[in-house]
Amino acid sequence: MRLDAPPKRGAYSLSARGRTAPVACVGGERACPPEDCGGPSGYADFLEAITTPDHPQHDELLEWVGGAFDPEAFSLSDVNRELSSMK
């Protein structure tokens, strides 16, 4: 890996002599699934339920996720703020 090459996607750190370079996300798409939603198939079921008002679990899952969830949302600045707070 060339250290002067720009990263393709995502975040990573490089370690040299015990020091870690700053980590930054350079791009992304969509929101990550909520924790414990049941893997890929559970996430698909979750999305179907929250986007279908007459789904039997619609209200329950919206409450579980905090009232609203936008699967298309992505904020590069929010991700980098989270990454910079990690130690």
N, C-alpha and C. Protein backbone atom coordinates (compact mmCIF):
# COMPACT_ATOMS: atom_id res chain seq x y z
N MET A 1 0.84 -1.17 0.00
CA MET A 1 0.00 0.00 0.00
C MET A 1 0.89 1.24 0.00
N ARG A 2 0.62 2.15 -0.90
CA ARG A 2 1.35 3.41 -0.93
C ARG A 2 0.75 4.37 0.08
N LEU A 3 1.55 4.96 0.92
CA LEU A 3 1.05 5.88 1.94
C LEU A 3 0.63 7.21 1.34
N ASP A 4 1.14 7.56 0.15
CA ASP A 4 0.78 8.84 -0.45
C ASP A 4 -0.44 8.71 -1.37
N ALA A 5 -0.95 7.50 -1.56
CA ALA A 5 -2.12 7.30 -2.41
C ALA A 5 -3.38 7.68 -1.64
N PRO A 6 -4.32 8.35 -2.30
CA PRO A 6 -5.56 8.71 -1.61
C PRO A 6 -6.39 7.46 -1.34
N PRO A 7 -7.12 7.45 -0.23
CA PRO A 7 -7.96 6.29 0.06
C PRO A 7 -9.11 6.20 -0.92
N LYS A 8 -9.56 5.00 -1.20
CA LYS A 8 -10.66 4.82 -2.13
C LYS A 8 -12.00 5.13 -1.48
N ARG A 9 -12.26 4.57 -0.31
CA ARG A 9 -13.50 4.80 0.41
C ARG A 9 -13.32 4.42 1.86
N GLY A 10 -14.16 4.96 2.71
CA GLY A 10 -14.18 4.56 4.10
C GLY A 10 -13.09 5.19 4.94
N ALA A 11 -12.93 4.66 6.12
CA ALA A 11 -11.96 5.20 7.06
C ALA A 11 -10.99 4.10 7.47
N TYR A 12 -9.76 4.48 7.72
CA TYR A 12 -8.76 3.55 8.20
C TYR A 12 -7.68 4.34 8.90
N SER A 13 -6.85 3.65 9.61
CA SER A 13 -5.72 4.33 10.24
C SER A 13 -4.44 3.60 9.87
N LEU A 14 -3.37 4.32 9.88
CA LEU A 14 -2.06 3.75 9.63
C LEU A 14 -1.27 3.87 10.92
N SER A 15 -0.56 2.84 11.28
CA SER A 15 0.20 2.86 12.51
C SER A 15 1.68 2.77 12.18
N ALA A 16 2.46 3.64 12.80
CA ALA A 16 3.91 3.63 12.61
C ALA A 16 4.57 3.94 13.94
N ARG A 17 5.37 3.01 14.41
CA ARG A 17 6.10 3.21 15.66
C ARG A 17 5.19 3.59 16.83
N GLY A 18 4.03 2.93 16.90
CA GLY A 18 3.13 3.15 18.03
C GLY A 18 2.22 4.35 17.91
N ARG A 19 2.35 5.15 16.87
CA ARG A 19 1.46 6.30 16.70
C ARG A 19 0.43 5.97 15.62
N THR A 20 -0.75 6.52 15.76
CA THR A 20 -1.80 6.29 14.78
C THR A 20 -2.12 7.59 14.07
N ALA A 21 -2.16 7.54 12.76
CA ALA A 21 -2.52 8.71 11.97
C ALA A 21 -4.00 9.01 12.17
N PRO A 22 -4.41 10.26 11.99
CA PRO A 22 -5.84 10.59 12.10
C PRO A 22 -6.67 9.76 11.12
N VAL A 23 -7.85 9.42 11.54
CA VAL A 23 -8.77 8.63 10.72
C VAL A 23 -9.84 9.56 10.20
N ALA A 24 -10.16 9.43 8.93
CA ALA A 24 -11.22 10.25 8.34
C ALA A 24 -11.97 9.46 7.30
N CYS A 25 -13.25 9.70 7.24
CA CYS A 25 -14.09 9.12 6.20
C CYS A 25 -14.09 10.12 5.04
N VAL A 26 -13.88 9.65 3.83
CA VAL A 26 -13.82 10.53 2.68
C VAL A 26 -15.08 10.47 1.82
N GLY A 27 -16.01 9.60 2.16
CA GLY A 27 -17.27 9.51 1.42
C GLY A 27 -18.10 8.35 1.90
N GLY A 28 -19.34 8.37 1.54
CA GLY A 28 -20.23 7.29 1.93
C GLY A 28 -21.62 7.49 1.37
N GLU A 29 -22.45 6.51 1.61
CA GLU A 29 -23.83 6.55 1.15
C GLU A 29 -24.72 5.87 2.18
N ARG A 30 -25.87 6.40 2.36
CA ARG A 30 -26.95 5.81 3.17
C ARG A 30 -26.59 5.67 4.65
N ALA A 31 -27.61 5.58 5.44
CA ALA A 31 -27.47 5.39 6.88
C ALA A 31 -27.11 3.94 7.18
N CYS A 32 -26.40 3.73 8.26
CA CYS A 32 -26.13 2.35 8.66
C CYS A 32 -27.39 1.79 9.33
N PRO A 33 -27.58 0.49 9.25
CA PRO A 33 -28.75 -0.10 9.89
C PRO A 33 -28.71 0.10 11.41
N PRO A 34 -29.87 0.18 12.03
CA PRO A 34 -29.88 0.27 13.49
C PRO A 34 -29.25 -0.98 14.11
N GLU A 35 -28.62 -0.81 15.25
CA GLU A 35 -28.01 -1.93 15.96
C GLU A 35 -29.07 -2.98 16.27
N ASP A 36 -28.71 -4.24 16.13
CA ASP A 36 -29.59 -5.37 16.46
C ASP A 36 -30.88 -5.42 15.64
N CYS A 37 -30.80 -5.04 14.36
CA CYS A 37 -32.01 -5.11 13.53
C CYS A 37 -32.17 -6.48 12.88
N GLY A 38 -31.19 -7.36 13.04
CA GLY A 38 -31.34 -8.72 12.53
C GLY A 38 -30.60 -9.02 11.25
N GLY A 39 -29.50 -8.33 11.00
CA GLY A 39 -28.72 -8.60 9.80
C GLY A 39 -29.40 -8.09 8.54
N PRO A 40 -28.88 -8.47 7.36
CA PRO A 40 -29.44 -7.96 6.10
C PRO A 40 -30.93 -8.24 5.92
N SER A 41 -31.37 -9.45 6.22
CA SER A 41 -32.79 -9.73 6.02
C SER A 41 -33.64 -9.00 7.06
N GLY A 42 -33.15 -8.88 8.29
CA GLY A 42 -33.86 -8.12 9.31
C GLY A 42 -33.96 -6.65 8.96
N TYR A 43 -32.89 -6.10 8.35
CA TYR A 43 -32.90 -4.70 7.94
C TYR A 43 -33.93 -4.49 6.83
N ALA A 44 -33.99 -5.41 5.88
CA ALA A 44 -35.00 -5.32 4.80
C ALA A 44 -36.40 -5.35 5.40
N ASP A 45 -36.64 -6.24 6.36
CA ASP A 45 -37.94 -6.31 7.02
C ASP A 45 -38.24 -5.02 7.78
N PHE A 46 -37.22 -4.48 8.47
CA PHE A 46 -37.36 -3.24 9.21
C PHE A 46 -37.76 -2.10 8.28
N LEU A 47 -37.05 -1.96 7.14
CA LEU A 47 -37.37 -0.90 6.20
C LEU A 47 -38.78 -1.03 5.65
N GLU A 48 -39.19 -2.25 5.35
CA GLU A 48 -40.55 -2.47 4.85
C GLU A 48 -41.57 -2.04 5.90
N ALA A 49 -41.32 -2.40 7.14
CA ALA A 49 -42.28 -2.08 8.21
C ALA A 49 -42.38 -0.58 8.46
N ILE A 50 -41.25 0.13 8.49
CA ILE A 50 -41.34 1.55 8.82
C ILE A 50 -41.83 2.41 7.65
N THR A 51 -41.78 1.88 6.45
CA THR A 51 -42.26 2.64 5.29
C THR A 51 -43.67 2.25 4.87
N THR A 52 -44.28 1.31 5.58
CA THR A 52 -45.64 0.87 5.28
C THR A 52 -46.51 1.15 6.50
N PRO A 53 -47.26 2.26 6.47
CA PRO A 53 -48.04 2.67 7.65
C PRO A 53 -49.00 1.61 8.19
N ASP A 54 -49.53 0.73 7.34
CA ASP A 54 -50.47 -0.28 7.85
C ASP A 54 -49.79 -1.61 8.20
N HIS A 55 -48.45 -1.63 8.18
CA HIS A 55 -47.71 -2.82 8.59
C HIS A 55 -47.93 -3.05 10.08
N PRO A 56 -48.12 -4.30 10.50
CA PRO A 56 -48.39 -4.58 11.92
C PRO A 56 -47.32 -4.07 12.89
N GLN A 57 -46.08 -3.97 12.45
CA GLN A 57 -45.00 -3.53 13.34
C GLN A 57 -44.55 -2.09 13.08
N HIS A 58 -45.27 -1.37 12.24
CA HIS A 58 -44.88 -0.01 11.86
C HIS A 58 -44.63 0.89 13.07
N ASP A 59 -45.62 1.05 13.91
CA ASP A 59 -45.50 1.95 15.06
C ASP A 59 -44.46 1.45 16.06
N GLU A 60 -44.45 0.17 16.31
CA GLU A 60 -43.51 -0.41 17.27
C GLU A 60 -42.05 -0.19 16.84
N LEU A 61 -41.76 -0.43 15.56
CA LEU A 61 -40.38 -0.28 15.09
C LEU A 61 -39.96 1.19 14.99
N LEU A 62 -40.89 2.07 14.63
CA LEU A 62 -40.55 3.49 14.63
C LEU A 62 -40.24 3.97 16.04
N GLU A 63 -40.99 3.50 17.01
CA GLU A 63 -40.72 3.86 18.41
C GLU A 63 -39.36 3.30 18.83
N TRP A 64 -39.07 2.05 18.45
CA TRP A 64 -37.82 1.39 18.81
C TRP A 64 -36.61 2.16 18.25
N VAL A 65 -36.75 2.71 17.04
CA VAL A 65 -35.62 3.40 16.40
C VAL A 65 -35.56 4.88 16.80
N GLY A 66 -36.47 5.33 17.61
CA GLY A 66 -36.42 6.71 18.10
C GLY A 66 -37.38 7.66 17.43
N GLY A 67 -38.34 7.14 16.68
CA GLY A 67 -39.37 7.98 16.09
C GLY A 67 -39.26 8.20 14.59
N ALA A 68 -38.06 8.15 14.06
CA ALA A 68 -37.88 8.34 12.62
C ALA A 68 -36.57 7.70 12.19
N PHE A 69 -36.53 7.29 10.93
CA PHE A 69 -35.31 6.72 10.37
C PHE A 69 -35.31 6.98 8.88
N ASP A 70 -34.28 7.63 8.38
CA ASP A 70 -34.13 7.89 6.95
C ASP A 70 -32.99 7.03 6.41
N PRO A 71 -33.30 5.95 5.69
CA PRO A 71 -32.24 5.07 5.20
C PRO A 71 -31.33 5.73 4.18
N GLU A 72 -31.74 6.85 3.58
CA GLU A 72 -30.91 7.54 2.60
C GLU A 72 -29.98 8.58 3.22
N ALA A 73 -30.15 8.84 4.51
CA ALA A 73 -29.36 9.89 5.17
C ALA A 73 -27.89 9.48 5.33
N PHE A 74 -27.01 10.44 5.08
CA PHE A 74 -25.59 10.24 5.34
C PHE A 74 -24.97 11.62 5.55
N SER A 75 -24.25 11.79 6.62
CA SER A 75 -23.58 13.06 6.89
C SER A 75 -22.10 12.81 7.09
N LEU A 76 -21.31 13.23 6.13
CA LEU A 76 -19.86 13.06 6.22
C LEU A 76 -19.31 13.77 7.45
N SER A 77 -19.82 14.95 7.75
CA SER A 77 -19.31 15.69 8.92
C SER A 77 -19.67 14.97 10.22
N ASP A 78 -20.86 14.37 10.31
CA ASP A 78 -21.23 13.61 11.52
C ASP A 78 -20.34 12.39 11.69
N VAL A 79 -20.08 11.69 10.60
CA VAL A 79 -19.22 10.50 10.67
C VAL A 79 -17.82 10.89 11.13
N ASN A 80 -17.28 11.95 10.55
CA ASN A 80 -15.93 12.36 10.93
C ASN A 80 -15.88 12.90 12.35
N ARG A 81 -16.94 13.52 12.82
CA ARG A 81 -17.00 13.96 14.21
C ARG A 81 -16.95 12.75 15.14
N GLU A 82 -17.71 11.70 14.81
CA GLU A 82 -17.68 10.47 15.61
C GLU A 82 -16.29 9.83 15.58
N LEU A 83 -15.69 9.75 14.40
CA LEU A 83 -14.37 9.15 14.28
C LEU A 83 -13.32 9.92 15.08
N SER A 84 -13.41 11.25 15.07
CA SER A 84 -12.42 12.05 15.78
C SER A 84 -12.56 11.93 17.30
N SER A 85 -13.74 11.52 17.76
CA SER A 85 -13.93 11.37 19.21
C SER A 85 -13.47 10.01 19.72
N MET A 86 -13.19 9.08 18.80
CA MET A 86 -12.72 7.75 19.21
C MET A 86 -11.27 7.81 19.62
N LYS A 87 -10.93 7.00 20.59
CA LYS A 87 -9.54 6.92 21.03
C LYS A 87 -9.01 5.54 20.87
